[in-house]
Amino acid sequence: MYDHETKAILVMDRGTMSMDDILTNVAATFATMDDPGCPPGTLCHQGVLNASREIKRASLITTVESTLACNGKSLGKKKKVLWDNL
């Protein structure tokens, strides 16, 4: 979504809403975070990490005239927090 007033690209993540979402969360695989600032061996939910990295990549292609804002609920909020720290 694009907010013309603030010139911001808004990314909202709904998080966990269904039984399928819950099963995905429970059956999660973990990945080692090798991002700068992460202690060696730090583990993260693979799906959350992948989504956060995609959001971070998207933020790198925004123009000078716009900013990228991200928020969410439940698992979506975890992605936002992780994205802020990548």
PDB file of N, CA and C in Angstrom:
ATOM      1  N   MET A   1       0.843  -1.155   0.000  1.00  0.00           N
ATOM      2  CA  MET A   1       0.000   0.000   0.000  1.00  0.00           C
ATOM      3  C   MET A   1       0.900   1.233   0.000  1.00  0.00           C
ATOM      4  N   TYR A   2       0.476   2.275  -0.692  1.00  0.00           N
ATOM      5  CA  TYR A   2       1.243   3.512  -0.730  1.00  0.00           C
ATOM      6  C   TYR A   2       0.426   4.642  -0.111  1.00  0.00           C
ATOM      7  N   ASP A   3       1.022   5.340   0.838  1.00  0.00           N
ATOM      8  CA  ASP A   3       0.375   6.480   1.485  1.00  0.00           C
ATOM      9  C   ASP A   3       0.902   7.748   0.815  1.00  0.00           C
ATOM     10  N   HIS A   4       0.050   8.375   0.008  1.00  0.00           N
ATOM     11  CA  HIS A   4       0.472   9.557  -0.747  1.00  0.00           C
ATOM     12  C   HIS A   4       0.801  10.740   0.158  1.00  0.00           C
ATOM     13  N   GLU A   5       0.097  10.853   1.270  1.00  0.00           N
ATOM     14  CA  GLU A   5       0.319  11.988   2.169  1.00  0.00           C
ATOM     15  C   GLU A   5       1.710  11.963   2.795  1.00  0.00           C
ATOM     16  N   THR A   6       2.125  10.782   3.274  1.00  0.00           N
ATOM     17  CA  THR A   6       3.431  10.671   3.918  1.00  0.00           C
ATOM     18  C   THR A   6       4.517  10.151   2.981  1.00  0.00           C
ATOM     19  N   LYS A   7       4.117   9.788   1.748  1.00  0.00           N
ATOM     20  CA  LYS A   7       5.039   9.219   0.770  1.00  0.00           C
ATOM     21  C   LYS A   7       5.735   7.978   1.332  1.00  0.00           C
ATOM     22  N   ALA A   8       4.940   7.107   1.935  1.00  0.00           N
ATOM     23  CA  ALA A   8       5.485   5.892   2.540  1.00  0.00           C
ATOM     24  C   ALA A   8       4.879   4.658   1.889  1.00  0.00           C
ATOM     25  N   ILE A   9       5.712   3.659   1.681  1.00  0.00           N
ATOM     26  CA  ILE A   9       5.256   2.353   1.242  1.00  0.00           C
ATOM     27  C   ILE A   9       4.993   1.561   2.519  1.00  0.00           C
ATOM     28  N   LEU A  10       3.761   1.087   2.695  1.00  0.00           N
ATOM     29  CA  LEU A  10       3.375   0.392   3.917  1.00  0.00           C
ATOM     30  C   LEU A  10       3.292  -1.112   3.662  1.00  0.00           C
ATOM     31  N   VAL A  11       3.978  -1.889   4.471  1.00  0.00           N
ATOM     32  CA  VAL A  11       3.929  -3.344   4.392  1.00  0.00           C
ATOM     33  C   VAL A  11       3.289  -3.838   5.680  1.00  0.00           C
ATOM     34  N   MET A  12       2.146  -4.505   5.558  1.00  0.00           N
ATOM     35  CA  MET A  12       1.440  -5.037   6.720  1.00  0.00           C
ATOM     36  C   MET A  12       1.406  -6.557   6.601  1.00  0.00           C
ATOM     37  N   ASP A  13       1.654  -7.249   7.691  1.00  0.00           N
ATOM     38  CA  ASP A  13       1.654  -8.702   7.703  1.00  0.00           C
ATOM     39  C   ASP A  13       0.605  -9.181   8.698  1.00  0.00           C
ATOM     40  N   ARG A  14      -0.304 -10.006   8.227  1.00  0.00           N
ATOM     41  CA  ARG A  14      -1.427 -10.434   9.052  1.00  0.00           C
ATOM     42  C   ARG A  14      -1.034 -11.399  10.154  1.00  0.00           C
ATOM     43  N   GLY A  15       0.060 -12.115  10.009  1.00  0.00           N
ATOM     44  CA  GLY A  15       0.459 -13.075  11.027  1.00  0.00           C
ATOM     45  C   GLY A  15      -0.388 -14.336  10.998  1.00  0.00           C
ATOM     46  N   THR A  16      -0.489 -15.003  12.141  1.00  0.00           N
ATOM     47  CA  THR A  16      -1.179 -16.286  12.255  1.00  0.00           C
ATOM     48  C   THR A  16      -2.690 -16.085  12.320  1.00  0.00           C
ATOM     49  N   MET A  17      -3.422 -16.724  11.384  1.00  0.00           N
ATOM     50  CA  MET A  17      -4.876 -16.583  11.375  1.00  0.00           C
ATOM     51  C   MET A  17      -5.621 -17.907  11.231  1.00  0.00           C
ATOM     52  N   SER A  18      -4.955 -18.973  10.866  1.00  0.00           N
ATOM     53  CA  SER A  18      -5.673 -20.218  10.581  1.00  0.00           C
ATOM     54  C   SER A  18      -4.924 -21.412  11.167  1.00  0.00           C
ATOM     55  N   MET A  19      -5.581 -22.557  11.141  1.00  0.00           N
ATOM     56  CA  MET A  19      -4.950 -23.785  11.614  1.00  0.00           C
ATOM     57  C   MET A  19      -3.728 -24.118  10.752  1.00  0.00           C
ATOM     58  N   ASP A  20      -3.802 -23.856   9.462  1.00  0.00           N
ATOM     59  CA  ASP A  20      -2.641 -24.081   8.589  1.00  0.00           C
ATOM     60  C   ASP A  20      -1.459 -23.217   9.025  1.00  0.00           C
ATOM     61  N   ASP A  21      -1.745 -21.957   9.380  1.00  0.00           N
ATOM     62  CA  ASP A  21      -0.685 -21.062   9.863  1.00  0.00           C
ATOM     63  C   ASP A  21      -0.054 -21.618  11.141  1.00  0.00           C
ATOM     64  N   ILE A  22      -0.892 -22.107  12.050  1.00  0.00           N
ATOM     65  CA  ILE A  22      -0.394 -22.664  13.313  1.00  0.00           C
ATOM     66  C   ILE A  22       0.493 -23.871  13.045  1.00  0.00           C
ATOM     67  N   LEU A  23       0.051 -24.759  12.156  1.00  0.00           N
ATOM     68  CA  LEU A  23       0.853 -25.938  11.827  1.00  0.00           C
ATOM     69  C   LEU A  23       2.178 -25.552  11.184  1.00  0.00           C
ATOM     70  N   THR A  24       2.155 -24.520  10.350  1.00  0.00           N
ATOM     71  CA  THR A  24       3.399 -24.026   9.735  1.00  0.00           C
ATOM     72  C   THR A  24       4.355 -23.520  10.805  1.00  0.00           C
ATOM     73  N   ASN A  25       3.819 -22.801  11.791  1.00  0.00           N
ATOM     74  CA  ASN A  25       4.655 -22.259  12.870  1.00  0.00           C
ATOM     75  C   ASN A  25       5.251 -23.377  13.722  1.00  0.00           C
ATOM     76  N   VAL A  26       4.435 -24.374  14.037  1.00  0.00           N
ATOM     77  CA  VAL A  26       4.875 -25.475  14.893  1.00  0.00           C
ATOM     78  C   VAL A  26       5.915 -26.347  14.182  1.00  0.00           C
ATOM     79  N   ALA A  27       5.723 -26.569  12.896  1.00  0.00           N
ATOM     80  CA  ALA A  27       6.627 -27.427  12.124  1.00  0.00           C
ATOM     81  C   ALA A  27       7.813 -26.652  11.565  1.00  0.00           C
ATOM     82  N   ALA A  28       8.103 -25.544  12.148  1.00  0.00           N
ATOM     83  CA  ALA A  28       9.137 -24.655  11.622  1.00  0.00           C
ATOM     84  C   ALA A  28      10.512 -25.304  11.615  1.00  0.00           C
ATOM     85  N   THR A  29      11.258 -24.956  10.608  1.00  0.00           N
ATOM     86  CA  THR A  29      12.675 -25.284  10.597  1.00  0.00           C
ATOM     87  C   THR A  29      13.413 -24.018  10.999  1.00  0.00           C
ATOM     88  N   PHE A  30      14.589 -24.186  11.525  1.00  0.00           N
ATOM     89  CA  PHE A  30      15.348 -23.034  11.980  1.00  0.00           C
ATOM     90  C   PHE A  30      16.565 -22.824  11.092  1.00  0.00           C
ATOM     91  N   ALA A  31      16.970 -21.585  11.005  1.00  0.00           N
ATOM     92  CA  ALA A  31      18.134 -21.206  10.205  1.00  0.00           C
ATOM     93  C   ALA A  31      19.096 -20.422  11.075  1.00  0.00           C
ATOM     94  N   THR A  32      20.362 -20.530  10.760  1.00  0.00           N
ATOM     95  CA  THR A  32      21.372 -19.749  11.460  1.00  0.00           C
ATOM     96  C   THR A  32      21.420 -18.356  10.850  1.00  0.00           C
ATOM     97  N   MET A  33      21.353 -17.348  11.701  1.00  0.00           N
ATOM     98  CA  MET A  33      21.450 -15.968  11.222  1.00  0.00           C
ATOM     99  C   MET A  33      22.916 -15.589  11.127  1.00  0.00           C
ATOM    100  N   ASP A  34      23.351 -15.249   9.933  1.00  0.00           N
ATOM    101  CA  ASP A  34      24.737 -14.836   9.745  1.00  0.00           C
ATOM    102  C   ASP A  34      24.820 -13.345   9.447  1.00  0.00           C
ATOM    103  N   ASP A  35      23.768 -12.628   9.849  1.00  0.00           N
ATOM    104  CA  ASP A  35      23.707 -11.195   9.574  1.00  0.00           C
ATOM    105  C   ASP A  35      24.637 -10.436  10.519  1.00  0.00           C
ATOM    106  N   PRO A  36      25.172  -9.288  10.072  1.00  0.00           N
ATOM    107  CA  PRO A  36      26.042  -8.484  10.928  1.00  0.00           C
ATOM    108  C   PRO A  36      25.335  -8.141  12.243  1.00  0.00           C
ATOM    109  N   GLY A  37      26.062  -8.250  13.338  1.00  0.00           N
ATOM    110  CA  GLY A  37      25.507  -7.915  14.640  1.00  0.00           C
ATOM    111  C   GLY A  37      24.880  -9.080  15.371  1.00  0.00           C
ATOM    112  N   CYS A  38      24.699 -10.219  14.701  1.00  0.00           N
ATOM    113  CA  CYS A  38      24.116 -11.405  15.353  1.00  0.00           C
ATOM    114  C   CYS A  38      25.242 -12.244  15.948  1.00  0.00           C
ATOM    115  N   PRO A  39      25.071 -12.673  17.198  1.00  0.00           N
ATOM    116  CA  PRO A  39      26.090 -13.552  17.781  1.00  0.00           C
ATOM    117  C   PRO A  39      26.196 -14.847  16.973  1.00  0.00           C
ATOM    118  N   PRO A  40      27.373 -15.422  16.866  1.00  0.00           N
ATOM    119  CA  PRO A  40      27.543 -16.668  16.115  1.00  0.00           C
ATOM    120  C   PRO A  40      26.591 -17.749  16.626  1.00  0.00           C
ATOM    121  N   GLY A  41      25.976 -18.480  15.704  1.00  0.00           N
ATOM    122  CA  GLY A  41      25.091 -19.567  16.063  1.00  0.00           C
ATOM    123  C   GLY A  41      23.666 -19.157  16.397  1.00  0.00           C
ATOM    124  N   THR A  42      23.315 -17.891  16.214  1.00  0.00           N
ATOM    125  CA  THR A  42      21.953 -17.439  16.498  1.00  0.00           C
ATOM    126  C   THR A  42      20.977 -18.123  15.554  1.00  0.00           C
ATOM    127  N   LEU A  43      19.928 -18.731  16.121  1.00  0.00           N
ATOM    128  CA  LEU A  43      18.921 -19.429  15.322  1.00  0.00           C
ATOM    129  C   LEU A  43      17.646 -18.604  15.228  1.00  0.00           C
ATOM    130  N   CYS A  44      16.957 -18.767  14.109  1.00  0.00           N
ATOM    131  CA  CYS A  44      15.720 -18.036  13.865  1.00  0.00           C
ATOM    132  C   CYS A  44      14.776 -18.913  13.049  1.00  0.00           C
ATOM    133  N   HIS A  45      13.485 -18.721  13.217  1.00  0.00           N
ATOM    134  CA  HIS A  45      12.461 -19.398  12.419  1.00  0.00           C
ATOM    135  C   HIS A  45      12.764 -19.098  10.947  1.00  0.00           C
ATOM    136  N   GLN A  46      12.963 -20.131  10.132  1.00  0.00           N
ATOM    137  CA  GLN A  46      13.371 -19.958   8.728  1.00  0.00           C
ATOM    138  C   GLN A  46      12.408 -19.056   7.957  1.00  0.00           C
ATOM    139  N   GLY A  47      11.106 -19.261   8.109  1.00  0.00           N
ATOM    140  CA  GLY A  47      10.127 -18.460   7.381  1.00  0.00           C
ATOM    141  C   GLY A  47      10.153 -16.995   7.781  1.00  0.00           C
ATOM    142  N   VAL A  48      10.292 -16.748   9.078  1.00  0.00           N
ATOM    143  CA  VAL A  48      10.357 -15.365   9.567  1.00  0.00           C
ATOM    144  C   VAL A  48      11.615 -14.693   9.026  1.00  0.00           C
ATOM    145  N   LEU A  49      12.726 -15.403   9.077  1.00  0.00           N
ATOM    146  CA  LEU A  49      13.984 -14.851   8.591  1.00  0.00           C
ATOM    147  C   LEU A  49      13.916 -14.540   7.097  1.00  0.00           C
ATOM    148  N   ASN A  50      13.394 -15.478   6.309  1.00  0.00           N
ATOM    149  CA  ASN A  50      13.283 -15.250   4.863  1.00  0.00           C
ATOM    150  C   ASN A  50      12.389 -14.050   4.553  1.00  0.00           C
ATOM    151  N   ALA A  51      11.240 -13.984   5.209  1.00  0.00           N
ATOM    152  CA  ALA A  51      10.322 -12.865   4.969  1.00  0.00           C
ATOM    153  C   ALA A  51      10.952 -11.543   5.384  1.00  0.00           C
ATOM    154  N   SER A  52      11.650 -11.535   6.510  1.00  0.00           N
ATOM    155  CA  SER A  52      12.292 -10.303   6.980  1.00  0.00           C
ATOM    156  C   SER A  52      13.370  -9.834   6.013  1.00  0.00           C
ATOM    157  N   ARG A  53      14.127 -10.791   5.491  1.00  0.00           N
ATOM    158  CA  ARG A  53      15.165 -10.424   4.524  1.00  0.00           C
ATOM    159  C   ARG A  53      14.556  -9.882   3.231  1.00  0.00           C
ATOM    160  N   GLU A  54      13.413 -10.438   2.812  1.00  0.00           N
ATOM    161  CA  GLU A  54      12.735  -9.922   1.611  1.00  0.00           C
ATOM    162  C   GLU A  54      12.249  -8.489   1.834  1.00  0.00           C
ATOM    163  N   ILE A  55      11.690  -8.236   3.007  1.00  0.00           N
ATOM    164  CA  ILE A  55      11.239  -6.873   3.331  1.00  0.00           C
ATOM    165  C   ILE A  55      12.432  -5.931   3.337  1.00  0.00           C
ATOM    166  N   LYS A  56      13.534  -6.381   3.909  1.00  0.00           N
ATOM    167  CA  LYS A  56      14.754  -5.548   3.951  1.00  0.00           C
ATOM    168  C   LYS A  56      15.231  -5.239   2.527  1.00  0.00           C
ATOM    169  N   ARG A  57      15.212  -6.262   1.640  1.00  0.00           N
ATOM    170  CA  ARG A  57      15.613  -6.029   0.244  1.00  0.00           C
ATOM    171  C   ARG A  57      14.693  -5.003  -0.412  1.00  0.00           C
ATOM    172  N   ALA A  58      13.403  -5.121  -0.143  1.00  0.00           N
ATOM    173  CA  ALA A  58      12.438  -4.170  -0.720  1.00  0.00           C
ATOM    174  C   ALA A  58      12.728  -2.757  -0.242  1.00  0.00           C
ATOM    175  N   SER A  59      13.190  -2.621   0.989  1.00  0.00           N
ATOM    176  CA  SER A  59      13.483  -1.279   1.507  1.00  0.00           C
ATOM    177  C   SER A  59      14.667  -0.655   0.782  1.00  0.00           C
ATOM    178  N   LEU A  60      15.533  -1.481   0.236  1.00  0.00           N
ATOM    179  CA  LEU A  60      16.707  -0.958  -0.465  1.00  0.00           C
ATOM    180  C   LEU A  60      16.369  -0.420  -1.852  1.00  0.00           C
ATOM    181  N   ILE A  61      15.170  -0.764  -2.376  1.00  0.00           N
ATOM    182  CA  ILE A  61      14.809  -0.293  -3.710  1.00  0.00           C
ATOM    183  C   ILE A  61      13.821   0.873  -3.670  1.00  0.00           C
ATOM    184  N   THR A  62      13.482   1.344  -2.461  1.00  0.00           N
ATOM    185  CA  THR A  62      12.590   2.501  -2.388  1.00  0.00           C
ATOM    186  C   THR A  62      13.328   3.732  -2.890  1.00  0.00           C
ATOM    187  N   THR A  63      12.579   4.673  -3.394  1.00  0.00           N
ATOM    188  CA  THR A  63      13.188   5.881  -3.937  1.00  0.00           C
ATOM    189  C   THR A  63      13.494   6.876  -2.830  1.00  0.00           C
ATOM    190  N   VAL A  64      14.238   7.887  -3.166  1.00  0.00           N
ATOM    191  CA  VAL A  64      14.580   8.938  -2.209  1.00  0.00           C
ATOM    192  C   VAL A  64      13.322   9.625  -1.697  1.00  0.00           C
ATOM    193  N   GLU A  65      12.289   9.702  -2.529  1.00  0.00           N
ATOM    194  CA  GLU A  65      11.073  10.411  -2.154  1.00  0.00           C
ATOM    195  C   GLU A  65      10.143   9.598  -1.263  1.00  0.00           C
ATOM    196  N   SER A  66      10.408   8.311  -1.072  1.00  0.00           N
ATOM    197  CA  SER A  66       9.498   7.507  -0.252  1.00  0.00           C
ATOM    198  C   SER A  66      10.266   6.724   0.797  1.00  0.00           C
ATOM    199  N   THR A  67       9.546   6.310   1.820  1.00  0.00           N
ATOM    200  CA  THR A  67      10.114   5.487   2.876  1.00  0.00           C
ATOM    201  C   THR A  67       9.330   4.184   2.935  1.00  0.00           C
ATOM    202  N   LEU A  68       9.884   3.198   3.611  1.00  0.00           N
ATOM    203  CA  LEU A  68       9.223   1.905   3.760  1.00  0.00           C
ATOM    204  C   LEU A  68       8.868   1.725   5.229  1.00  0.00           C
ATOM    205  N   ALA A  69       7.604   1.445   5.514  1.00  0.00           N
ATOM    206  CA  ALA A  69       7.144   1.188   6.881  1.00  0.00           C
ATOM    207  C   ALA A  69       6.567  -0.210   6.924  1.00  0.00           C
ATOM    208  N   CYS A  70       6.901  -0.950   7.958  1.00  0.00           N
ATOM    209  CA  CYS A  70       6.453  -2.333   8.082  1.00  0.00           C
ATOM    210  C   CYS A  70       5.882  -2.548   9.472  1.00  0.00           C
ATOM    211  N   ASN A  71       4.774  -3.291   9.537  1.00  0.00           N
ATOM    212  CA  ASN A  71       4.189  -3.645  10.824  1.00  0.00           C
ATOM    213  C   ASN A  71       3.385  -4.914  10.656  1.00  0.00           C
ATOM    214  N   GLY A  72       2.983  -5.498  11.750  1.00  0.00           N
ATOM    215  CA  GLY A  72       2.198  -6.718  11.669  1.00  0.00           C
ATOM    216  C   GLY A  72       1.650  -7.117  13.018  1.00  0.00           C
ATOM    217  N   LYS A  73       0.965  -8.238  13.020  1.00  0.00           N
ATOM    218  CA  LYS A  73       0.391  -8.794  14.243  1.00  0.00           C
ATOM    219  C   LYS A  73       0.832 -10.247  14.352  1.00  0.00           C
ATOM    220  N   SER A  74       1.088 -10.695  15.560  1.00  0.00           N
ATOM    221  CA  SER A  74       1.468 -12.076  15.811  1.00  0.00           C
ATOM    222  C   SER A  74       2.803 -12.357  15.123  1.00  0.00           C
ATOM    223  N   LEU A  75       2.845 -13.350  14.264  1.00  0.00           N
ATOM    224  CA  LEU A  75       4.090 -13.681  13.569  1.00  0.00           C
ATOM    225  C   LEU A  75       4.539 -12.523  12.685  1.00  0.00           C
ATOM    226  N   GLY A  76       3.602 -11.751  12.167  1.00  0.00           N
ATOM    227  CA  GLY A  76       3.943 -10.577  11.371  1.00  0.00           C
ATOM    228  C   GLY A  76       4.745  -9.554  12.161  1.00  0.00           C
ATOM    229  N   LYS A  77       4.429  -9.386  13.432  1.00  0.00           N
ATOM    230  CA  LYS A  77       5.167  -8.448  14.290  1.00  0.00           C
ATOM    231  C   LYS A  77       6.588  -8.946  14.514  1.00  0.00           C
ATOM    232  N   LYS A  78       6.731 -10.260  14.649  1.00  0.00           N
ATOM    233  CA  LYS A  78       8.077 -10.817  14.815  1.00  0.00           C
ATOM    234  C   LYS A  78       8.936 -10.529  13.582  1.00  0.00           C
ATOM    235  N   LYS A  79       8.333 -10.620  12.402  1.00  0.00           N
ATOM    236  CA  LYS A  79       9.063 -10.286  11.184  1.00  0.00           C
ATOM    237  C   LYS A  79       9.493  -8.845  11.190  1.00  0.00           C
ATOM    238  N   LYS A  80       8.608  -7.957  11.648  1.00  0.00           N
ATOM    239  CA  LYS A  80       8.915  -6.524  11.682  1.00  0.00           C
ATOM    240  C   LYS A  80      10.086  -6.255  12.636  1.00  0.00           C
ATOM    241  N   VAL A  81      10.056  -6.869  13.819  1.00  0.00           N
ATOM    242  CA  VAL A  81      11.131  -6.671  14.784  1.00  0.00           C
ATOM    243  C   VAL A  81      12.446  -7.192  14.234  1.00  0.00           C
ATOM    244  N   LEU A  82      12.403  -8.362  13.608  1.00  0.00           N
ATOM    245  CA  LEU A  82      13.613  -8.928  13.021  1.00  0.00           C
ATOM    246  C   LEU A  82      14.119  -8.049  11.891  1.00  0.00           C
ATOM    247  N   TRP A  83      13.202  -7.579  11.031  1.00  0.00           N
ATOM    248  CA  TRP A  83      13.573  -6.722   9.918  1.00  0.00           C
ATOM    249  C   TRP A  83      14.282  -5.463  10.403  1.00  0.00           C
ATOM    250  N   ASP A  84      13.792  -4.893  11.499  1.00  0.00           N
ATOM    251  CA  ASP A  84      14.406  -3.685  12.062  1.00  0.00           C
ATOM    252  C   ASP A  84      15.840  -3.930  12.504  1.00  0.00           C
ATOM    253  N   ASN A  85      16.165  -5.190  12.798  1.00  0.00           N
ATOM    254  CA  ASN A  85      17.484  -5.511  13.352  1.00  0.00           C
ATOM    255  C   ASN A  85      18.425  -6.200  12.367  1.00  0.00           C
ATOM    256  N   LEU A  86      17.992  -6.368  11.123  1.00  0.00           N
ATOM    257  CA  LEU A  86      18.877  -6.975  10.116  1.00  0.00           C
ATOM    258  C   LEU A  86      19.851  -5.962   9.578  1.00  0.00           C
TER     259      LEU A  86
END
